[in-house]
């Protein structure tokens, strides 16, 4: 369950929540609540930016592959 006020949860839980948001693992209600808090909480926006960059870097070593010609 999402806690609307991130000051009430510790930093580790906030980091995990931001990661779950970035991966698209939250319910629609949790997404709405998270985005509401993120709109007014610069630290939470920083957490989201951190995870977005971290997850994007996971694909850096993957070489592009052309799709089969019959697709």
PDB file of N, CA and C in Angstrom:
ATOM      1  N   UNK A   1       0.844  -1.183   0.000  1.00  0.00           N
ATOM      2  CA  UNK A   1       0.000   0.000   0.000  1.00  0.00           C
ATOM      3  C   UNK A   1       0.883   1.238   0.000  1.00  0.00           C
ATOM      4  N   UNK A   2       0.533   2.210  -0.793  1.00  0.00           N
ATOM      5  CA  UNK A   2       1.303   3.443  -0.914  1.00  0.00           C
ATOM      6  C   UNK A   2       0.984   4.385   0.228  1.00  0.00           C
ATOM      7  N   UNK A   3       2.013   4.975   0.803  1.00  0.00           N
ATOM      8  CA  UNK A   3       1.841   5.988   1.838  1.00  0.00           C
ATOM      9  C   UNK A   3       1.994   7.342   1.174  1.00  0.00           C
ATOM     10  N   UNK A   4       0.984   8.166   1.274  1.00  0.00           N
ATOM     11  CA  UNK A   4       0.930   9.429   0.534  1.00  0.00           C
ATOM     12  C   UNK A   4       1.984  10.434   0.975  1.00  0.00           C
ATOM     13  N   UNK A   5       2.372  10.416   2.207  1.00  0.00           N
ATOM     14  CA  UNK A   5       3.346  11.384   2.686  1.00  0.00           C
ATOM     15  C   UNK A   5       4.673  10.652   2.877  1.00  0.00           C
ATOM     16  N   UNK A   6       5.627  10.933   2.013  1.00  0.00           N
ATOM     17  CA  UNK A   6       6.884  10.191   2.062  1.00  0.00           C
ATOM     18  C   UNK A   6       7.707  10.513   3.298  1.00  0.00           C
ATOM     19  N   UNK A   7       7.413  11.607   3.996  1.00  0.00           N
ATOM     20  CA  UNK A   7       8.127  11.903   5.231  1.00  0.00           C
ATOM     21  C   UNK A   7       7.833  10.863   6.304  1.00  0.00           C
ATOM     22  N   UNK A   8       6.731  10.132   6.141  1.00  0.00           N
ATOM     23  CA  UNK A   8       6.346   9.123   7.120  1.00  0.00           C
ATOM     24  C   UNK A   8       7.030   7.780   6.889  1.00  0.00           C
ATOM     25  N   UNK A   9       7.780   7.639   5.801  1.00  0.00           N
ATOM     26  CA  UNK A   9       8.472   6.385   5.532  1.00  0.00           C
ATOM     27  C   UNK A   9       9.962   6.655   5.457  1.00  0.00           C
ATOM     28  N   UNK A  10      10.745   5.605   5.732  1.00  0.00           N
ATOM     29  CA  UNK A  10      12.180   5.834   5.729  1.00  0.00           C
ATOM     30  C   UNK A  10      12.717   5.891   4.304  1.00  0.00           C
ATOM     31  N   UNK A  11      13.941   6.359   4.186  1.00  0.00           N
ATOM     32  CA  UNK A  11      14.561   6.598   2.886  1.00  0.00           C
ATOM     33  C   UNK A  11      14.667   5.309   2.065  1.00  0.00           C
ATOM     34  N   UNK A  12      14.929   4.191   2.735  1.00  0.00           N
ATOM     35  CA  UNK A  12      15.052   2.928   2.025  1.00  0.00           C
ATOM     36  C   UNK A  12      13.716   2.522   1.382  1.00  0.00           C
ATOM     37  N   UNK A  13      12.628   2.708   2.106  1.00  0.00           N
ATOM     38  CA  UNK A  13      11.312   2.405   1.546  1.00  0.00           C
ATOM     39  C   UNK A  13      10.979   3.356   0.398  1.00  0.00           C
ATOM     40  N   UNK A  14      11.361   4.620   0.541  1.00  0.00           N
ATOM     41  CA  UNK A  14      11.119   5.598  -0.518  1.00  0.00           C
ATOM     42  C   UNK A  14      11.890   5.218  -1.779  1.00  0.00           C
ATOM     43  N   UNK A  15      13.125   4.745  -1.600  1.00  0.00           N
ATOM     44  CA  UNK A  15      13.928   4.315  -2.745  1.00  0.00           C
ATOM     45  C   UNK A  15      13.268   3.120  -3.443  1.00  0.00           C
ATOM     46  N   UNK A  16      12.793   2.169  -2.666  1.00  0.00           N
ATOM     47  CA  UNK A  16      12.150   0.992  -3.239  1.00  0.00           C
ATOM     48  C   UNK A  16      10.871   1.389  -3.975  1.00  0.00           C
ATOM     49  N   UNK A  17      10.117   2.297  -3.407  1.00  0.00           N
ATOM     50  CA  UNK A  17       8.890   2.757  -4.040  1.00  0.00           C
ATOM     51  C   UNK A  17       9.187   3.462  -5.362  1.00  0.00           C
ATOM     52  N   UNK A  18      10.226   4.281  -5.382  1.00  0.00           N
ATOM     53  CA  UNK A  18      10.608   4.964  -6.617  1.00  0.00           C
ATOM     54  C   UNK A  18      11.048   3.958  -7.679  1.00  0.00           C
ATOM     55  N   UNK A  19      11.757   2.922  -7.261  1.00  0.00           N
ATOM     56  CA  UNK A  19      12.173   1.878  -8.205  1.00  0.00           C
ATOM     57  C   UNK A  19      10.960   1.143  -8.757  1.00  0.00           C
ATOM     58  N   UNK A  20      10.013   0.810  -7.903  1.00  0.00           N
ATOM     59  CA  UNK A  20       8.803   0.121  -8.345  1.00  0.00           C
ATOM     60  C   UNK A  20       8.006   0.991  -9.314  1.00  0.00           C
ATOM     61  N   UNK A  21       7.940   2.274  -9.037  1.00  0.00           N
ATOM     62  CA  UNK A  21       7.257   3.197  -9.939  1.00  0.00           C
ATOM     63  C   UNK A  21       7.948   3.207 -11.297  1.00  0.00           C
ATOM     64  N   UNK A  22       9.273   3.310 -11.280  1.00  0.00           N
ATOM     65  CA  UNK A  22      10.056   3.374 -12.514  1.00  0.00           C
ATOM     66  C   UNK A  22       9.870   2.123 -13.361  1.00  0.00           C
ATOM     67  N   UNK A  23       9.743   0.978 -12.708  1.00  0.00           N
ATOM     68  CA  UNK A  23       9.555  -0.290 -13.418  1.00  0.00           C
ATOM     69  C   UNK A  23       8.104  -0.551 -13.806  1.00  0.00           C
ATOM     70  N   UNK A  24       7.199   0.322 -13.383  1.00  0.00           N
ATOM     71  CA  UNK A  24       5.789   0.147 -13.724  1.00  0.00           C
ATOM     72  C   UNK A  24       5.100  -0.933 -12.911  1.00  0.00           C
ATOM     73  N   UNK A  25       5.522  -1.114 -11.668  1.00  0.00           N
ATOM     74  CA  UNK A  25       4.985  -2.181 -10.831  1.00  0.00           C
ATOM     75  C   UNK A  25       3.865  -1.732  -9.897  1.00  0.00           C
ATOM     76  N   UNK A  26       3.574  -0.446  -9.864  1.00  0.00           N
ATOM     77  CA  UNK A  26       2.543   0.059  -8.957  1.00  0.00           C
ATOM     78  C   UNK A  26       1.165  -0.023  -9.598  1.00  0.00           C
ATOM     79  N   UNK A  27       0.157  -0.128  -8.765  1.00  0.00           N
ATOM     80  CA  UNK A  27      -1.227  -0.113  -9.245  1.00  0.00           C
ATOM     81  C   UNK A  27      -1.559   1.297  -9.742  1.00  0.00           C
ATOM     82  N   UNK A  28      -2.610   1.437 -10.530  1.00  0.00           N
ATOM     83  CA  UNK A  28      -2.990   2.783 -10.996  1.00  0.00           C
ATOM     84  C   UNK A  28      -3.215   3.768  -9.843  1.00  0.00           C
ATOM     85  N   UNK A  29      -3.795   3.304  -8.763  1.00  0.00           N
ATOM     86  CA  UNK A  29      -4.029   4.178  -7.614  1.00  0.00           C
ATOM     87  C   UNK A  29      -2.704   4.593  -6.976  1.00  0.00           C
ATOM     88  N   UNK A  30      -1.771   3.645  -6.885  1.00  0.00           N
ATOM     89  CA  UNK A  30      -0.468   3.956  -6.319  1.00  0.00           C
ATOM     90  C   UNK A  30       0.312   4.916  -7.216  1.00  0.00           C
ATOM     91  N   UNK A  31       0.178   4.744  -8.534  1.00  0.00           N
ATOM     92  CA  UNK A  31       0.832   5.652  -9.479  1.00  0.00           C
ATOM     93  C   UNK A  31       0.311   7.068  -9.278  1.00  0.00           C
ATOM     94  N   UNK A  32      -1.003   7.217  -9.192  1.00  0.00           N
ATOM     95  CA  UNK A  32      -1.581   8.547  -8.989  1.00  0.00           C
ATOM     96  C   UNK A  32      -1.061   9.182  -7.704  1.00  0.00           C
ATOM     97  N   UNK A  33      -1.028   8.399  -6.626  1.00  0.00           N
ATOM     98  CA  UNK A  33      -0.557   8.927  -5.343  1.00  0.00           C
ATOM     99  C   UNK A  33       0.929   9.264  -5.417  1.00  0.00           C
ATOM    100  N   UNK A  34       1.723   8.389  -6.010  1.00  0.00           N
ATOM    101  CA  UNK A  34       3.158   8.617  -6.129  1.00  0.00           C
ATOM    102  C   UNK A  34       3.425   9.881  -6.935  1.00  0.00           C
ATOM    103  N   UNK A  35       2.751  10.024  -8.060  1.00  0.00           N
ATOM    104  CA  UNK A  35       2.961  11.205  -8.901  1.00  0.00           C
ATOM    105  C   UNK A  35       2.521  12.480  -8.200  1.00  0.00           C
ATOM    106  N   UNK A  36       1.480  12.386  -7.379  1.00  0.00           N
ATOM    107  CA  UNK A  36       1.052  13.548  -6.604  1.00  0.00           C
ATOM    108  C   UNK A  36       2.124  14.001  -5.631  1.00  0.00           C
ATOM    109  N   UNK A  37       2.745  13.040  -4.970  1.00  0.00           N
ATOM    110  CA  UNK A  37       3.814  13.374  -4.029  1.00  0.00           C
ATOM    111  C   UNK A  37       5.057  13.841  -4.774  1.00  0.00           C
ATOM    112  N   UNK A  38       5.376  13.163  -5.876  1.00  0.00           N
ATOM    113  CA  UNK A  38       6.564  13.523  -6.635  1.00  0.00           C
ATOM    114  C   UNK A  38       6.467  14.960  -7.167  1.00  0.00           C
ATOM    115  N   UNK A  39       5.259  15.425  -7.436  1.00  0.00           N
ATOM    116  CA  UNK A  39       5.067  16.783  -7.949  1.00  0.00           C
ATOM    117  C   UNK A  39       5.508  17.848  -6.949  1.00  0.00           C
ATOM    118  N   UNK A  40       5.514  17.503  -5.659  1.00  0.00           N
ATOM    119  CA  UNK A  40       5.872  18.491  -4.639  1.00  0.00           C
ATOM    120  C   UNK A  40       7.108  18.101  -3.828  1.00  0.00           C
ATOM    121  N   UNK A  41       7.705  16.954  -4.133  1.00  0.00           N
ATOM    122  CA  UNK A  41       8.838  16.455  -3.353  1.00  0.00           C
ATOM    123  C   UNK A  41      10.066  16.287  -4.253  1.00  0.00           C
ATOM    124  N   UNK A  42      10.984  17.251  -4.225  1.00  0.00           N
ATOM    125  CA  UNK A  42      12.162  17.162  -5.096  1.00  0.00           C
ATOM    126  C   UNK A  42      13.046  15.951  -4.794  1.00  0.00           C
ATOM    127  N   UNK A  43      13.087  15.504  -3.533  1.00  0.00           N
ATOM    128  CA  UNK A  43      13.880  14.323  -3.203  1.00  0.00           C
ATOM    129  C   UNK A  43      13.321  13.073  -3.876  1.00  0.00           C
ATOM    130  N   UNK A  44      12.011  12.965  -3.938  1.00  0.00           N
ATOM    131  CA  UNK A  44      11.389  11.824  -4.600  1.00  0.00           C
ATOM    132  C   UNK A  44      11.630  11.888  -6.105  1.00  0.00           C
ATOM    133  N   UNK A  45      11.593  13.090  -6.679  1.00  0.00           N
ATOM    134  CA  UNK A  45      11.928  13.235  -8.102  1.00  0.00           C
ATOM    135  C   UNK A  45      13.364  12.801  -8.357  1.00  0.00           C
ATOM    136  N   UNK A  46      14.265  13.135  -7.448  1.00  0.00           N
ATOM    137  CA  UNK A  46      15.658  12.698  -7.578  1.00  0.00           C
ATOM    138  C   UNK A  46      15.768  11.182  -7.522  1.00  0.00           C
ATOM    139  N   UNK A  47      15.002  10.558  -6.641  1.00  0.00           N
ATOM    140  CA  UNK A  47      15.000   9.091  -6.553  1.00  0.00           C
ATOM    141  C   UNK A  47      14.523   8.489  -7.874  1.00  0.00           C
ATOM    142  N   UNK A  48      13.456   9.032  -8.429  1.00  0.00           N
ATOM    143  CA  UNK A  48      12.948   8.543  -9.711  1.00  0.00           C
ATOM    144  C   UNK A  48      14.005   8.703 -10.800  1.00  0.00           C
ATOM    145  N   UNK A  49      14.639   9.866 -10.857  1.00  0.00           N
ATOM    146  CA  UNK A  49      15.670  10.107 -11.879  1.00  0.00           C
ATOM    147  C   UNK A  49      16.825   9.120 -11.720  1.00  0.00           C
ATOM    148  N   UNK A  50      17.208   8.853 -10.484  1.00  0.00           N
ATOM    149  CA  UNK A  50      18.275   7.886 -10.221  1.00  0.00           C
ATOM    150  C   UNK A  50      17.908   6.519 -10.790  1.00  0.00           C
ATOM    151  N   UNK A  51      16.711   6.034 -10.478  1.00  0.00           N
ATOM    152  CA  UNK A  51      16.311   4.697 -10.936  1.00  0.00           C
ATOM    153  C   UNK A  51      16.117   4.659 -12.442  1.00  0.00           C
ATOM    154  N   UNK A  52      15.569   5.704 -13.021  1.00  0.00           N
ATOM    155  CA  UNK A  52      15.382   5.723 -14.478  1.00  0.00           C
ATOM    156  C   UNK A  52      16.731   5.605 -15.178  1.00  0.00           C
ATOM    157  N   UNK A  53      17.721   6.328 -14.705  1.00  0.00           N
ATOM    158  CA  UNK A  53      19.063   6.260 -15.285  1.00  0.00           C
ATOM    159  C   UNK A  53      19.695   4.895 -15.026  1.00  0.00           C
ATOM    160  N   UNK A  54      19.547   4.400 -13.822  1.00  0.00           N
ATOM    161  CA  UNK A  54      20.119   3.094 -13.468  1.00  0.00           C
ATOM    162  C   UNK A  54      19.560   1.990 -14.368  1.00  0.00           C
ATOM    163  N   UNK A  55      18.247   1.943 -14.507  1.00  0.00           N
ATOM    164  CA  UNK A  55      17.639   0.893 -15.323  1.00  0.00           C
ATOM    165  C   UNK A  55      17.969   1.069 -16.802  1.00  0.00           C
ATOM    166  N   UNK A  56      18.063   2.306 -17.271  1.00  0.00           N
ATOM    167  CA  UNK A  56      18.421   2.549 -18.669  1.00  0.00           C
ATOM    168  C   UNK A  56      19.843   2.053 -18.945  1.00  0.00           C
ATOM    169  N   UNK A  57      20.739   2.209 -18.003  1.00  0.00           N
ATOM    170  CA  UNK A  57      22.123   1.779 -18.185  1.00  0.00           C
ATOM    171  C   UNK A  57      22.256   0.260 -18.262  1.00  0.00           C
ATOM    172  N   UNK A  58      21.280  -0.464 -17.769  1.00  0.00           N
ATOM    173  CA  UNK A  58      21.340  -1.923 -17.833  1.00  0.00           C
ATOM    174  C   UNK A  58      21.337  -2.437 -19.266  1.00  0.00           C
ATOM    175  N   UNK A  59      20.885  -1.613 -20.193  1.00  0.00           N
ATOM    176  CA  UNK A  59      20.829  -2.041 -21.596  1.00  0.00           C
ATOM    177  C   UNK A  59      22.035  -1.566 -22.405  1.00  0.00           C
ATOM    178  N   UNK A  60      22.947  -0.858 -21.780  1.00  0.00           N
ATOM    179  CA  UNK A  60      24.087  -0.296 -22.506  1.00  0.00           C
ATOM    180  C   UNK A  60      24.931  -1.350 -23.223  1.00  0.00           C
ATOM    181  N   UNK A  61      25.067  -2.524 -22.647  1.00  0.00           N
ATOM    182  CA  UNK A  61      25.920  -3.560 -23.232  1.00  0.00           C
ATOM    183  C   UNK A  61      25.178  -4.489 -24.188  1.00  0.00           C
ATOM    184  N   UNK A  62      23.916  -4.223 -24.432  1.00  0.00           N
ATOM    185  CA  UNK A  62      23.146  -5.074 -25.330  1.00  0.00           C
ATOM    186  C   UNK A  62      23.244  -4.519 -26.744  1.00  0.00           C
ATOM    187  N   UNK A  63      23.761  -5.338 -27.626  1.00  0.00           N
ATOM    188  CA  UNK A  63      23.922  -4.917 -29.018  1.00  0.00           C
ATOM    189  C   UNK A  63      22.554  -4.895 -29.716  1.00  0.00           C
ATOM    190  N   UNK A  64      22.336  -3.930 -30.610  1.00  0.00           N
ATOM    191  CA  UNK A  64      21.076  -3.900 -31.344  1.00  0.00           C
ATOM    192  C   UNK A  64      20.979  -5.116 -32.270  1.00  0.00           C
ATOM    193  N   UNK A  65      19.758  -5.550 -32.494  1.00  0.00           N
ATOM    194  CA  UNK A  65      19.501  -6.697 -33.347  1.00  0.00           C
ATOM    195  C   UNK A  65      18.469  -6.290 -34.390  1.00  0.00           C
ATOM    196  N   UNK A  66      18.768  -6.552 -35.638  1.00  0.00           N
ATOM    197  CA  UNK A  66      17.794  -6.264 -36.698  1.00  0.00           C
ATOM    198  C   UNK A  66      16.682  -7.307 -36.650  1.00  0.00           C
ATOM    199  N   UNK A  67      15.450  -6.866 -36.856  1.00  0.00           N
ATOM    200  CA  UNK A  67      14.341  -7.829 -36.852  1.00  0.00           C
ATOM    201  C   UNK A  67      14.431  -8.725 -38.099  1.00  0.00           C
ATOM    202  N   UNK A  68      13.870  -9.922 -38.001  1.00  0.00           N
ATOM    203  CA  UNK A  68      13.853 -10.800 -39.182  1.00  0.00           C
ATOM    204  C   UNK A  68      13.166 -10.092 -40.370  1.00  0.00           C
ATOM    205  N   UNK A  69      13.617 -10.390 -41.568  1.00  0.00           N
ATOM    206  CA  UNK A  69      13.091  -9.735 -42.773  1.00  0.00           C
ATOM    207  C   UNK A  69      11.601  -9.984 -42.968  1.00  0.00           C
ATOM    208  N   UNK A  70      11.106 -11.105 -42.506  1.00  0.00           N
ATOM    209  CA  UNK A  70       9.678 -11.430 -42.734  1.00  0.00           C
ATOM    210  C   UNK A  70       8.735 -10.777 -41.725  1.00  0.00           C
ATOM    211  N   UNK A  71       9.238  -9.923 -40.884  1.00  0.00           N
ATOM    212  CA  UNK A  71       8.369  -9.257 -39.909  1.00  0.00           C
ATOM    213  C   UNK A  71       7.850  -7.967 -40.452  1.00  0.00           C
TER     214      UNK A  71
END
